[in-house]
Structures are given as structure tokens and as C-alpha cells.
Amino acid sequence: MNISTNILAASDTRDADLAAALGALAHPARISILRHLAQHEACCCRDVVERIDLAQSTVSQHLKVLVSAGLVLYEPQNRRSRYSVNRPVLDRLSRQVGALLTSCCATPA
């Protein structure tokens, strides 16, 4: 592989990672869950269920998607597992989306 092929492969990987993260956010319930978690240090699933009007099993499935995408951290603790926002990943996602919008929306010279 030459340098330009390596750069394209890295770009493709970044694009795939960005698409996966945005896909995980492509549901209103997951956005609500992420907002709730961002306002708290860490929450158990029951805390989220009490805040969002969804069944516990549904919230668990949405949390699983967010954890799988790396947007939320999962920490097992006895009977109540804790979930928290993965701030470094969300910061990187914010920068990537900003860069994407800037590059796509820039006025041609």
C-alpha cells in the first residue's frame, strides 16, 4: 500500500466510525438517554427508565446500542450496573461532525 492508499483507508475507517456513532444516535430515545446521562455522573438503567417513558427492556436495548458505539460507558456494579457518557468520544464526535459540516457547507472559492 502506498501513502495515498493508507490515507484513503484511514479516511474510510474514520468515516465508518463516524457513521456508526451517528447511527447509534439515530433514534429519539437514544438522544434522550444520552442527554439524561450527560446531566448526571452515572446512572443505572432504572434511573433512566424513571426519566424516560419507556419500558425497562427498551431502555436496556437502547443503552446497549449506545455502549456498543462507544458513546456510553458501562460499569457493572453488583445488582445495578452504571452507565455514563463517554465524554472523550463525544468530544471527538463533535469535532468530526463540525469538520464534516464545515467541509460540506463551505462556499466554493
PDB file of N, CA and C in Angstrom:
ATOM      1  N   MET A   1       0.835  -1.173   0.000  1.00  0.00           N
ATOM      2  CA  MET A   1       0.000   0.000   0.000  1.00  0.00           C
ATOM      3  C   MET A   1       0.888   1.248   0.000  1.00  0.00           C
ATOM      4  N   ASN A   2       0.547   2.215  -0.838  1.00  0.00           N
ATOM      5  CA  ASN A   2       1.314   3.453  -0.831  1.00  0.00           C
ATOM      6  C   ASN A   2       0.694   4.449   0.140  1.00  0.00           C
ATOM      7  N   ILE A   3       1.335   5.605   0.265  1.00  0.00           N
ATOM      8  CA  ILE A   3       0.894   6.591   1.251  1.00  0.00           C
ATOM      9  C   ILE A   3      -0.528   7.069   0.977  1.00  0.00           C
ATOM     10  N   SER A   4      -0.845   7.367  -0.286  1.00  0.00           N
ATOM     11  CA  SER A   4      -2.190   7.853  -0.583  1.00  0.00           C
ATOM     12  C   SER A   4      -3.244   6.786  -0.300  1.00  0.00           C
ATOM     13  N   THR A   5      -2.917   5.520  -0.532  1.00  0.00           N
ATOM     14  CA  THR A   5      -3.847   4.438  -0.217  1.00  0.00           C
ATOM     15  C   THR A   5      -4.036   4.328   1.288  1.00  0.00           C
ATOM     16  N   ASN A   6      -2.944   4.500   2.056  1.00  0.00           N
ATOM     17  CA  ASN A   6      -3.048   4.484   3.520  1.00  0.00           C
ATOM     18  C   ASN A   6      -3.936   5.619   4.014  1.00  0.00           C
ATOM     19  N   ILE A   7      -3.783   6.797   3.431  1.00  0.00           N
ATOM     20  CA  ILE A   7      -4.592   7.947   3.842  1.00  0.00           C
ATOM     21  C   ILE A   7      -6.062   7.685   3.530  1.00  0.00           C
ATOM     22  N   LEU A   8      -6.350   7.147   2.350  1.00  0.00           N
ATOM     23  CA  LEU A   8      -7.734   6.835   1.986  1.00  0.00           C
ATOM     24  C   LEU A   8      -8.314   5.774   2.905  1.00  0.00           C
ATOM     25  N   ALA A   9      -7.533   4.752   3.225  1.00  0.00           N
ATOM     26  CA  ALA A   9      -8.010   3.699   4.131  1.00  0.00           C
ATOM     27  C   ALA A   9      -8.307   4.279   5.508  1.00  0.00           C
ATOM     28  N   ALA A  10      -7.435   5.157   5.997  1.00  0.00           N
ATOM     29  CA  ALA A  10      -7.667   5.797   7.291  1.00  0.00           C
ATOM     30  C   ALA A  10      -8.916   6.664   7.240  1.00  0.00           C
ATOM     31  N   SER A  11      -9.098   7.375   6.140  1.00  0.00           N
ATOM     32  CA  SER A  11     -10.281   8.211   5.965  1.00  0.00           C
ATOM     33  C   SER A  11     -11.543   7.361   5.936  1.00  0.00           C
ATOM     34  N   ASP A  12     -11.495   6.225   5.228  1.00  0.00           N
ATOM     35  CA  ASP A  12     -12.638   5.323   5.177  1.00  0.00           C
ATOM     36  C   ASP A  12     -12.990   4.797   6.565  1.00  0.00           C
ATOM     37  N   THR A  13     -11.964   4.481   7.355  1.00  0.00           N
ATOM     38  CA  THR A  13     -12.183   3.996   8.720  1.00  0.00           C
ATOM     39  C   THR A  13     -12.830   5.084   9.570  1.00  0.00           C
ATOM     40  N   ARG A  14     -12.308   6.310   9.464  1.00  0.00           N
ATOM     41  CA  ARG A  14     -12.901   7.425  10.222  1.00  0.00           C
ATOM     42  C   ARG A  14     -14.348   7.648   9.800  1.00  0.00           C
ATOM     43  N   ASP A  15     -14.606   7.573   8.498  1.00  0.00           N
ATOM     44  CA  ASP A  15     -15.976   7.747   8.015  1.00  0.00           C
ATOM     45  C   ASP A  15     -16.887   6.648   8.533  1.00  0.00           C
ATOM     46  N   ALA A  16     -16.387   5.421   8.557  1.00  0.00           N
ATOM     47  CA  ALA A  16     -17.188   4.297   9.068  1.00  0.00           C
ATOM     48  C   ALA A  16     -17.462   4.473  10.559  1.00  0.00           C
ATOM     49  N   ASP A  17     -16.457   4.918  11.312  1.00  0.00           N
ATOM     50  CA  ASP A  17     -16.642   5.159  12.750  1.00  0.00           C
ATOM     51  C   ASP A  17     -17.657   6.277  12.982  1.00  0.00           C
ATOM     52  N   LEU A  18     -17.555   7.344  12.187  1.00  0.00           N
ATOM     53  CA  LEU A  18     -18.489   8.455  12.307  1.00  0.00           C
ATOM     54  C   LEU A  18     -19.909   7.992  11.988  1.00  0.00           C
ATOM     55  N   ALA A  19     -20.061   7.222  10.920  1.00  0.00           N
ATOM     56  CA  ALA A  19     -21.377   6.714  10.540  1.00  0.00           C
ATOM     57  C   ALA A  19     -21.956   5.813  11.631  1.00  0.00           C
ATOM     58  N   ALA A  20     -21.129   4.979  12.241  1.00  0.00           N
ATOM     59  CA  ALA A  20     -21.597   4.095  13.316  1.00  0.00           C
ATOM     60  C   ALA A  20     -22.078   4.908  14.518  1.00  0.00           C
ATOM     61  N   ALA A  21     -21.318   5.936  14.885  1.00  0.00           N
ATOM     62  CA  ALA A  21     -21.709   6.772  16.020  1.00  0.00           C
ATOM     63  C   ALA A  21     -22.999   7.524  15.726  1.00  0.00           C
ATOM     64  N   LEU A  22     -23.100   8.075  14.528  1.00  0.00           N
ATOM     65  CA  LEU A  22     -24.322   8.798  14.171  1.00  0.00           C
ATOM     66  C   LEU A  22     -25.507   7.853  14.058  1.00  0.00           C
ATOM     67  N   GLY A  23     -25.254   6.636  13.597  1.00  0.00           N
ATOM     68  CA  GLY A  23     -26.317   5.638  13.544  1.00  0.00           C
ATOM     69  C   GLY A  23     -26.848   5.309  14.929  1.00  0.00           C
ATOM     70  N   ALA A  24     -25.939   5.247  15.896  1.00  0.00           N
ATOM     71  CA  ALA A  24     -26.362   4.973  17.279  1.00  0.00           C
ATOM     72  C   ALA A  24     -27.217   6.112  17.826  1.00  0.00           C
ATOM     73  N   LEU A  25     -27.031   7.302  17.301  1.00  0.00           N
ATOM     74  CA  LEU A  25     -27.817   8.457  17.748  1.00  0.00           C
ATOM     75  C   LEU A  25     -29.073   8.668  16.908  1.00  0.00           C
ATOM     76  N   ALA A  26     -29.311   7.791  15.954  1.00  0.00           N
ATOM     77  CA  ALA A  26     -30.405   7.976  15.001  1.00  0.00           C
ATOM     78  C   ALA A  26     -31.757   7.494  15.535  1.00  0.00           C
ATOM     79  N   HIS A  27     -31.967   7.671  16.816  1.00  0.00           N
ATOM     80  CA  HIS A  27     -33.260   7.333  17.409  1.00  0.00           C
ATOM     81  C   HIS A  27     -33.541   8.349  18.519  1.00  0.00           C
ATOM     82  N   PRO A  28     -34.725   8.935  18.537  1.00  0.00           N
ATOM     83  CA  PRO A  28     -35.027   9.961  19.550  1.00  0.00           C
ATOM     84  C   PRO A  28     -34.833   9.480  20.988  1.00  0.00           C
ATOM     85  N   ALA A  29     -35.150   8.219  21.266  1.00  0.00           N
ATOM     86  CA  ALA A  29     -34.988   7.709  22.632  1.00  0.00           C
ATOM     87  C   ALA A  29     -33.516   7.685  23.031  1.00  0.00           C
ATOM     88  N   ARG A  30     -32.629   7.309  22.112  1.00  0.00           N
ATOM     89  CA  ARG A  30     -31.205   7.269  22.443  1.00  0.00           C
ATOM     90  C   ARG A  30     -30.652   8.667  22.656  1.00  0.00           C
ATOM     91  N   ILE A  31     -31.154   9.634  21.917  1.00  0.00           N
ATOM     92  CA  ILE A  31     -30.734  11.018  22.144  1.00  0.00           C
ATOM     93  C   ILE A  31     -31.200  11.467  23.532  1.00  0.00           C
ATOM     94  N   SER A  32     -32.435  11.137  23.893  1.00  0.00           N
ATOM     95  CA  SER A  32     -32.947  11.489  25.229  1.00  0.00           C
ATOM     96  C   SER A  32     -32.135  10.811  26.326  1.00  0.00           C
ATOM     97  N   ILE A  33     -31.802   9.558  26.125  1.00  0.00           N
ATOM     98  CA  ILE A  33     -30.996   8.827  27.113  1.00  0.00           C
ATOM     99  C   ILE A  33     -29.632   9.480  27.256  1.00  0.00           C
ATOM    100  N   LEU A  34     -29.007   9.812  26.142  1.00  0.00           N
ATOM    101  CA  LEU A  34     -27.687  10.447  26.181  1.00  0.00           C
ATOM    102  C   LEU A  34     -27.759  11.792  26.899  1.00  0.00           C
ATOM    103  N   ARG A  35     -28.787  12.576  26.628  1.00  0.00           N
ATOM    104  CA  ARG A  35     -28.958  13.863  27.326  1.00  0.00           C
ATOM    105  C   ARG A  35     -29.116  13.654  28.827  1.00  0.00           C
ATOM    106  N   HIS A  36     -29.906  12.662  29.195  1.00  0.00           N
ATOM    107  CA  HIS A  36     -30.101  12.385  30.624  1.00  0.00           C
ATOM    108  C   HIS A  36     -28.778  11.984  31.281  1.00  0.00           C
ATOM    109  N   LEU A  37     -28.045  11.089  30.633  1.00  0.00           N
ATOM    110  CA  LEU A  37     -26.767  10.650  31.200  1.00  0.00           C
ATOM    111  C   LEU A  37     -25.771  11.799  31.290  1.00  0.00           C
ATOM    112  N   ALA A  38     -25.807  12.714  30.329  1.00  0.00           N
ATOM    113  CA  ALA A  38     -24.871  13.838  30.326  1.00  0.00           C
ATOM    114  C   ALA A  38     -25.102  14.770  31.514  1.00  0.00           C
ATOM    115  N   GLN A  39     -26.302  14.769  32.061  1.00  0.00           N
ATOM    116  CA  GLN A  39     -26.632  15.629  33.193  1.00  0.00           C
ATOM    117  C   GLN A  39     -26.311  14.994  34.546  1.00  0.00           C
ATOM    118  N   HIS A  40     -25.855  13.750  34.530  1.00  0.00           N
ATOM    119  CA  HIS A  40     -25.579  13.029  35.777  1.00  0.00           C
ATOM    120  C   HIS A  40     -24.215  12.360  35.706  1.00  0.00           C
ATOM    121  N   GLU A  41     -23.641  12.135  36.840  1.00  0.00           N
ATOM    122  CA  GLU A  41     -22.330  11.469  36.918  1.00  0.00           C
ATOM    123  C   GLU A  41     -22.400  10.066  36.321  1.00  0.00           C
ATOM    124  N   ALA A  42     -23.340   9.279  36.807  1.00  0.00           N
ATOM    125  CA  ALA A  42     -23.578   7.922  36.315  1.00  0.00           C
ATOM    126  C   ALA A  42     -24.972   7.509  36.767  1.00  0.00           C
ATOM    127  N   CYS A  43     -25.621   6.687  35.965  1.00  0.00           N
ATOM    128  CA  CYS A  43     -26.988   6.272  36.269  1.00  0.00           C
ATOM    129  C   CYS A  43     -27.132   4.778  36.045  1.00  0.00           C
ATOM    130  N   CYS A  44     -28.046   4.185  36.785  1.00  0.00           N
ATOM    131  CA  CYS A  44     -28.412   2.813  36.485  1.00  0.00           C
ATOM    132  C   CYS A  44     -29.586   2.847  35.503  1.00  0.00           C
ATOM    133  N   CYS A  45     -29.886   1.731  34.921  1.00  0.00           N
ATOM    134  CA  CYS A  45     -30.954   1.662  33.927  1.00  0.00           C
ATOM    135  C   CYS A  45     -32.276   2.147  34.525  1.00  0.00           C
ATOM    136  N   ARG A  46     -32.544   1.788  35.759  1.00  0.00           N
ATOM    137  CA  ARG A  46     -33.800   2.197  36.405  1.00  0.00           C
ATOM    138  C   ARG A  46     -33.923   3.712  36.487  1.00  0.00           C
ATOM    139  N   ASP A  47     -32.804   4.409  36.747  1.00  0.00           N
ATOM    140  CA  ASP A  47     -32.821   5.878  36.782  1.00  0.00           C
ATOM    141  C   ASP A  47     -33.275   6.438  35.440  1.00  0.00           C
ATOM    142  N   VAL A  48     -32.778   5.836  34.375  1.00  0.00           N
ATOM    143  CA  VAL A  48     -33.132   6.294  33.031  1.00  0.00           C
ATOM    144  C   VAL A  48     -34.599   5.984  32.742  1.00  0.00           C
ATOM    145  N   VAL A  49     -35.055   4.801  33.132  1.00  0.00           N
ATOM    146  CA  VAL A  49     -36.455   4.404  32.913  1.00  0.00           C
ATOM    147  C   VAL A  49     -37.396   5.376  33.619  1.00  0.00           C
ATOM    148  N   GLU A  50     -37.038   5.795  34.827  1.00  0.00           N
ATOM    149  CA  GLU A  50     -37.879   6.730  35.577  1.00  0.00           C
ATOM    150  C   GLU A  50     -37.969   8.092  34.892  1.00  0.00           C
ATOM    151  N   ARG A  51     -36.949   8.454  34.152  1.00  0.00           N
ATOM    152  CA  ARG A  51     -36.896   9.763  33.471  1.00  0.00           C
ATOM    153  C   ARG A  51     -37.536   9.725  32.092  1.00  0.00           C
ATOM    154  N   ILE A  52     -37.409   8.593  31.420  1.00  0.00           N
ATOM    155  CA  ILE A  52     -37.887   8.453  30.046  1.00  0.00           C
ATOM    156  C   ILE A  52     -39.029   7.452  30.045  1.00  0.00           C
ATOM    157  N   ASP A  53     -40.111   7.786  29.412  1.00  0.00           N
ATOM    158  CA  ASP A  53     -41.315   6.966  29.444  1.00  0.00           C
ATOM    159  C   ASP A  53     -41.221   5.789  28.473  1.00  0.00           C
ATOM    160  N   LEU A  54     -40.331   4.852  28.806  1.00  0.00           N
ATOM    161  CA  LEU A  54     -40.162   3.630  28.016  1.00  0.00           C
ATOM    162  C   LEU A  54     -40.005   2.453  28.957  1.00  0.00           C
ATOM    163  N   ALA A  55     -40.305   1.286  28.469  1.00  0.00           N
ATOM    164  CA  ALA A  55     -40.146   0.070  29.268  1.00  0.00           C
ATOM    165  C   ALA A  55     -38.673  -0.179  29.574  1.00  0.00           C
ATOM    166  N   GLN A  56     -38.420  -0.844  30.685  1.00  0.00           N
ATOM    167  CA  GLN A  56     -37.044  -1.132  31.099  1.00  0.00           C
ATOM    168  C   GLN A  56     -36.300  -1.910  30.029  1.00  0.00           C
ATOM    169  N   SER A  57     -36.965  -2.869  29.409  1.00  0.00           N
ATOM    170  CA  SER A  57     -36.299  -3.678  28.379  1.00  0.00           C
ATOM    171  C   SER A  57     -35.926  -2.824  27.163  1.00  0.00           C
ATOM    172  N   THR A  58     -36.764  -1.861  26.831  1.00  0.00           N
ATOM    173  CA  THR A  58     -36.487  -0.966  25.699  1.00  0.00           C
ATOM    174  C   THR A  58     -35.302  -0.060  26.018  1.00  0.00           C
ATOM    175  N   VAL A  59     -35.295   0.494  27.217  1.00  0.00           N
ATOM    176  CA  VAL A  59     -34.172   1.348  27.631  1.00  0.00           C
ATOM    177  C   VAL A  59     -32.887   0.530  27.634  1.00  0.00           C
ATOM    178  N   SER A  60     -32.944  -0.700  28.122  1.00  0.00           N
ATOM    179  CA  SER A  60     -31.758  -1.564  28.138  1.00  0.00           C
ATOM    180  C   SER A  60     -31.215  -1.781  26.730  1.00  0.00           C
ATOM    181  N   GLN A  61     -32.102  -2.006  25.778  1.00  0.00           N
ATOM    182  CA  GLN A  61     -31.668  -2.210  24.394  1.00  0.00           C
ATOM    183  C   GLN A  61     -31.034  -0.942  23.821  1.00  0.00           C
ATOM    184  N   HIS A  62     -31.615   0.206  24.102  1.00  0.00           N
ATOM    185  CA  HIS A  62     -31.041   1.473  23.630  1.00  0.00           C
ATOM    186  C   HIS A  62     -29.677   1.734  24.281  1.00  0.00           C
ATOM    187  N   LEU A  63     -29.565   1.437  25.559  1.00  0.00           N
ATOM    188  CA  LEU A  63     -28.277   1.591  26.235  1.00  0.00           C
ATOM    189  C   LEU A  63     -27.228   0.667  25.615  1.00  0.00           C
ATOM    190  N   LYS A  64     -27.636  -0.526  25.270  1.00  0.00           N
ATOM    191  CA  LYS A  64     -26.719  -1.490  24.642  1.00  0.00           C
ATOM    192  C   LYS A  64     -26.181  -0.926  23.324  1.00  0.00           C
ATOM    193  N   VAL A  65     -27.021  -0.294  22.539  1.00  0.00           N
ATOM    194  CA  VAL A  65     -26.593   0.312  21.270  1.00  0.00           C
ATOM    195  C   VAL A  65     -25.594   1.438  21.539  1.00  0.00           C
ATOM    196  N   LEU A  66     -25.891   2.283  22.519  1.00  0.00           N
ATOM    197  CA  LEU A  66     -25.006   3.405  22.843  1.00  0.00           C
ATOM    198  C   LEU A  66     -23.662   2.915  23.378  1.00  0.00           C
ATOM    199  N   VAL A  67     -23.675   1.878  24.180  1.00  0.00           N
ATOM    200  CA  VAL A  67     -22.428   1.300  24.700  1.00  0.00           C
ATOM    201  C   VAL A  67     -21.631   0.675  23.556  1.00  0.00           C
ATOM    202  N   SER A  68     -22.306  -0.057  22.712  1.00  0.00           N
ATOM    203  CA  SER A  68     -21.645  -0.716  21.578  1.00  0.00           C
ATOM    204  C   SER A  68     -20.961   0.298  20.661  1.00  0.00           C
ATOM    205  N   ALA A  69     -21.571   1.470  20.512  1.00  0.00           N
ATOM    206  CA  ALA A  69     -20.995   2.522  19.670  1.00  0.00           C
ATOM    207  C   ALA A  69     -19.886   3.280  20.389  1.00  0.00           C
ATOM    208  N   GLY A  70     -19.723   3.018  21.690  1.00  0.00           N
ATOM    209  CA  GLY A  70     -18.674   3.696  22.454  1.00  0.00           C
ATOM    210  C   GLY A  70     -19.078   5.051  22.979  1.00  0.00           C
ATOM    211  N   LEU A  71     -20.333   5.434  22.807  1.00  0.00           N
ATOM    212  CA  LEU A  71     -20.794   6.745  23.261  1.00  0.00           C
ATOM    213  C   LEU A  71     -21.093   6.767  24.756  1.00  0.00           C
ATOM    214  N   VAL A  72     -21.386   5.600  25.301  1.00  0.00           N
ATOM    215  CA  VAL A  72     -21.721   5.455  26.718  1.00  0.00           C
ATOM    216  C   VAL A  72     -20.829   4.371  27.311  1.00  0.00           C
ATOM    217  N   LEU A  73     -20.397   4.601  28.529  1.00  0.00           N
ATOM    218  CA  LEU A  73     -19.582   3.634  29.260  1.00  0.00           C
ATOM    219  C   LEU A  73     -20.478   2.805  30.170  1.00  0.00           C
ATOM    220  N   TYR A  74     -20.159   1.532  30.300  1.00  0.00           N
ATOM    221  CA  TYR A  74     -20.907   0.600  31.134  1.00  0.00           C
ATOM    222  C   TYR A  74     -19.981   0.086  32.218  1.00  0.00           C
ATOM    223  N   GLU A  75     -20.459   0.155  33.458  1.00  0.00           N
ATOM    224  CA  GLU A  75     -19.665  -0.334  34.584  1.00  0.00           C
ATOM    225  C   GLU A  75     -20.544  -1.223  35.463  1.00  0.00           C
ATOM    226  N   PRO A  76     -20.307  -2.536  35.436  1.00  0.00           N
ATOM    227  CA  PRO A  76     -21.116  -3.418  36.279  1.00  0.00           C
ATOM    228  C   PRO A  76     -20.816  -3.184  37.763  1.00  0.00           C
ATOM    229  N   GLN A  77     -21.876  -3.066  38.551  1.00  0.00           N
ATOM    230  CA  GLN A  77     -21.738  -2.872  39.996  1.00  0.00           C
ATOM    231  C   GLN A  77     -22.817  -3.694  40.702  1.00  0.00           C
ATOM    232  N   ASN A  78     -22.429  -4.840  41.204  1.00  0.00           N
ATOM    233  CA  ASN A  78     -23.363  -5.717  41.922  1.00  0.00           C
ATOM    234  C   ASN A  78     -24.669  -5.876  41.146  1.00  0.00           C
ATOM    235  N   ARG A  79     -25.763  -5.446  41.732  1.00  0.00           N
ATOM    236  CA  ARG A  79     -27.075  -5.628  41.103  1.00  0.00           C
ATOM    237  C   ARG A  79     -27.460  -4.470  40.190  1.00  0.00           C
ATOM    238  N   ARG A  80     -26.771  -3.359  40.285  1.00  0.00           N
ATOM    239  CA  ARG A  80     -27.115  -2.190  39.476  1.00  0.00           C
ATOM    240  C   ARG A  80     -25.915  -1.742  38.663  1.00  0.00           C
ATOM    241  N   SER A  81     -25.949  -2.002  37.404  1.00  0.00           N
ATOM    242  CA  SER A  81     -24.880  -1.536  36.529  1.00  0.00           C
ATOM    243  C   SER A  81     -25.032  -0.043  36.321  1.00  0.00           C
ATOM    244  N   ARG A  82     -23.920   0.621  36.124  1.00  0.00           N
ATOM    245  CA  ARG A  82     -23.921   2.079  35.971  1.00  0.00           C
ATOM    246  C   ARG A  82     -23.547   2.443  34.541  1.00  0.00           C
ATOM    247  N   TYR A  83     -24.192   3.464  34.041  1.00  0.00           N
ATOM    248  CA  TYR A  83     -23.926   3.987  32.703  1.00  0.00           C
ATOM    249  C   TYR A  83     -23.533   5.452  32.815  1.00  0.00           C
ATOM    250  N   SER A  84     -22.582   5.852  31.998  1.00  0.00           N
ATOM    251  CA  SER A  84     -22.160   7.254  31.979  1.00  0.00           C
ATOM    252  C   SER A  84     -21.733   7.621  30.565  1.00  0.00           C
ATOM    253  N   VAL A  85     -21.741   8.905  30.302  1.00  0.00           N
ATOM    254  CA  VAL A  85     -21.348   9.417  28.991  1.00  0.00           C
ATOM    255  C   VAL A  85     -19.842   9.243  28.817  1.00  0.00           C
ATOM    256  N   ASN A  86     -19.436   8.811  27.653  1.00  0.00           N
ATOM    257  CA  ASN A  86     -18.010   8.702  27.320  1.00  0.00           C
ATOM    258  C   ASN A  86     -17.601  10.051  26.714  1.00  0.00           C
ATOM    259  N   ARG A  87     -17.256  10.976  27.577  1.00  0.00           N
ATOM    260  CA  ARG A  87     -17.004  12.359  27.143  1.00  0.00           C
ATOM    261  C   ARG A  87     -15.897  12.498  26.097  1.00  0.00           C
ATOM    262  N   PRO A  88     -14.762  11.808  26.222  1.00  0.00           N
ATOM    263  CA  PRO A  88     -13.743  11.944  25.168  1.00  0.00           C
ATOM    264  C   PRO A  88     -14.251  11.524  23.787  1.00  0.00           C
ATOM    265  N   VAL A  89     -15.041  10.472  23.748  1.00  0.00           N
ATOM    266  CA  VAL A  89     -15.588  10.015  22.464  1.00  0.00           C
ATOM    267  C   VAL A  89     -16.599  11.032  21.928  1.00  0.00           C
ATOM    268  N   LEU A  90     -17.448  11.565  22.803  1.00  0.00           N
ATOM    269  CA  LEU A  90     -18.414  12.567  22.351  1.00  0.00           C
ATOM    270  C   LEU A  90     -17.736  13.859  21.916  1.00  0.00           C
ATOM    271  N   ASP A  91     -16.658  14.232  22.589  1.00  0.00           N
ATOM    272  CA  ASP A  91     -15.901  15.417  22.162  1.00  0.00           C
ATOM    273  C   ASP A  91     -15.326  15.200  20.760  1.00  0.00           C
ATOM    274  N   ARG A  92     -14.763  14.018  20.528  1.00  0.00           N
ATOM    275  CA  ARG A  92     -14.210  13.708  19.207  1.00  0.00           C
ATOM    276  C   ARG A  92     -15.315  13.686  18.153  1.00  0.00           C
ATOM    277  N   LEU A  93     -16.463  13.105  18.489  1.00  0.00           N
ATOM    278  CA  LEU A  93     -17.592  13.064  17.573  1.00  0.00           C
ATOM    279  C   LEU A  93     -18.045  14.481  17.221  1.00  0.00           C
ATOM    280  N   SER A  94     -18.092  15.347  18.209  1.00  0.00           N
ATOM    281  CA  SER A  94     -18.475  16.740  17.977  1.00  0.00           C
ATOM    282  C   SER A  94     -17.527  17.413  16.987  1.00  0.00           C
ATOM    283  N   ARG A  95     -16.237  17.191  17.169  1.00  0.00           N
ATOM    284  CA  ARG A  95     -15.254  17.778  16.246  1.00  0.00           C
ATOM    285  C   ARG A  95     -15.404  17.204  14.842  1.00  0.00           C
ATOM    286  N   GLN A  96     -15.636  15.893  14.751  1.00  0.00           N
ATOM    287  CA  GLN A  96     -15.781  15.254  13.441  1.00  0.00           C
ATOM    288  C   GLN A  96     -17.017  15.756  12.706  1.00  0.00           C
ATOM    289  N   VAL A  97     -18.122  15.892  13.411  1.00  0.00           N
ATOM    290  CA  VAL A  97     -19.347  16.396  12.780  1.00  0.00           C
ATOM    291  C   VAL A  97     -19.150  17.850  12.363  1.00  0.00           C
ATOM    292  N   GLY A  98     -18.508  18.638  13.213  1.00  0.00           N
ATOM    293  CA  GLY A  98     -18.225  20.033  12.865  1.00  0.00           C
ATOM    294  C   GLY A  98     -17.367  20.136  11.614  1.00  0.00           C
ATOM    295  N   ALA A  99     -16.327  19.318  11.545  1.00  0.00           N
ATOM    296  CA  ALA A  99     -15.444  19.325  10.376  1.00  0.00           C
ATOM    297  C   ALA A  99     -16.194  18.878   9.126  1.00  0.00           C
ATOM    298  N   LEU A 100     -17.041  17.871   9.280  1.00  0.00           N
ATOM    299  CA  LEU A 100     -17.827  17.392   8.144  1.00  0.00           C
ATOM    300  C   LEU A 100     -18.748  18.493   7.628  1.00  0.00           C
ATOM    301  N   LEU A 101     -19.462  19.138   8.521  1.00  0.00           N
ATOM    302  CA  LEU A 101     -20.384  20.191   8.100  1.00  0.00           C
ATOM    303  C   LEU A 101     -19.647  21.381   7.498  1.00  0.00           C
ATOM    304  N   THR A 102     -18.501  21.705   8.067  1.00  0.00           N
ATOM    305  CA  THR A 102     -17.702  22.799   7.520  1.00  0.00           C
ATOM    306  C   THR A 102     -17.233  22.465   6.110  1.00  0.00           C
ATOM    307  N   SER A 103     -16.752  21.241   5.912  1.00  0.00           N
ATOM    308  CA  SER A 103     -16.239  20.869   4.587  1.00  0.00           C
ATOM    309  C   SER A 103     -17.365  20.730   3.564  1.00  0.00           C
ATOM    310  N   CYS A 104     -18.521  20.297   3.987  1.00  0.00           N
ATOM    311  CA  CYS A 104     -19.631  20.105   3.052  1.00  0.00           C
ATOM    312  C   CYS A 104     -20.374  21.406   2.746  1.00  0.00           C
ATOM    313  N   CYS A 105     -20.348  22.303   3.694  1.00  0.00           N
ATOM    314  CA  CYS A 105     -21.155  23.524   3.557  1.00  0.00           C
ATOM    315  C   CYS A 105     -20.338  24.750   3.190  1.00  0.00           C
ATOM    316  N   ALA A 106     -19.042  24.573   3.042  1.00  0.00           N
ATOM    317  CA  ALA A 106     -18.191  25.715   2.701  1.00  0.00           C
ATOM    318  C   ALA A 106     -18.551  26.216   1.305  1.00  0.00           C
ATOM    319  N   THR A 107     -18.529  27.517   1.160  1.00  0.00           N
ATOM    320  CA  THR A 107     -18.804  28.129  -0.134  1.00  0.00           C
ATOM    321  C   THR A 107     -17.601  27.928  -1.042  1.00  0.00           C
ATOM    322  N   PRO A 108     -17.829  27.388  -2.247  1.00  0.00           N
ATOM    323  CA  PRO A 108     -16.694  27.190  -3.160  1.00  0.00           C
ATOM    324  C   PRO A 108     -16.017  28.517  -3.499  1.00  0.00           C
ATOM    325  N   ALA A 109     -14.701  28.438  -3.657  1.00  0.00           N
ATOM    326  CA  ALA A 109     -13.942  29.658  -3.956  1.00  0.00           C
ATOM    327  C   ALA A 109     -14.133  30.083  -5.387  1.00  0.00           C
TER     328      ALA A 109
END
